[in-house]
Amino acid sequence: MTTILVGERVGKRGRIRLGCSAVLFDPAMEQVLLTRRADNGQWCLPGGAIDPGETVTEACGREFYEETGLRVRVVRLTGVYSTPDQLVVYPDGTRVQIIALNFLVELLGGEMVLTSETTAIRYFPVAEAVSMDLFHSHAERIRDAARGEQAAIIK
């Protein structure tokens, strides 16, 4: 099970991992798509690690497709999140401080399907989603994306 350790500068006990997450709103921007993680059961935004040899937008699209079966296009960067007071510990023992780029995306097509990484996929009203116990800082990322500011938020 993936766990998160919290403490002052606990991130220094791991290595840096660059990741991405994607916010897909319905056309009215009243609902947001979330996935339920297979490893810990928490709801989250689609996303994951950026692999060597790919751009951040390629990684965002790939991760979204791998977790949902949906194809998306990155519209814009909404935020950069670094949390030195959190350390993510994966089931294999890997310890990382995640630096995440969060993107607003638009739907291009595809068919929603469950994968080995997801046990559920569904839209939630934005107000409900941001009050849920979401993985990592995903509620904050949704709130920041919903603000609609053109400049990315840096945290």
Foldseek 3Di string as FASTA:
>chain_A
DKDKAFDDLPQVVAAEFEKEFEWEADPVNFKTKWFQFPQPRFIFTFMTTDDPPDDRQVRHQVSCCQAFQWGKGFDAWAAWDWDSRMWMADPVGHIHGYTYTYTYIYTDDGHTDHHSTGDDMDMDGLVVVLVDPHPDCRSVSSVSVSVVDRDHYYD
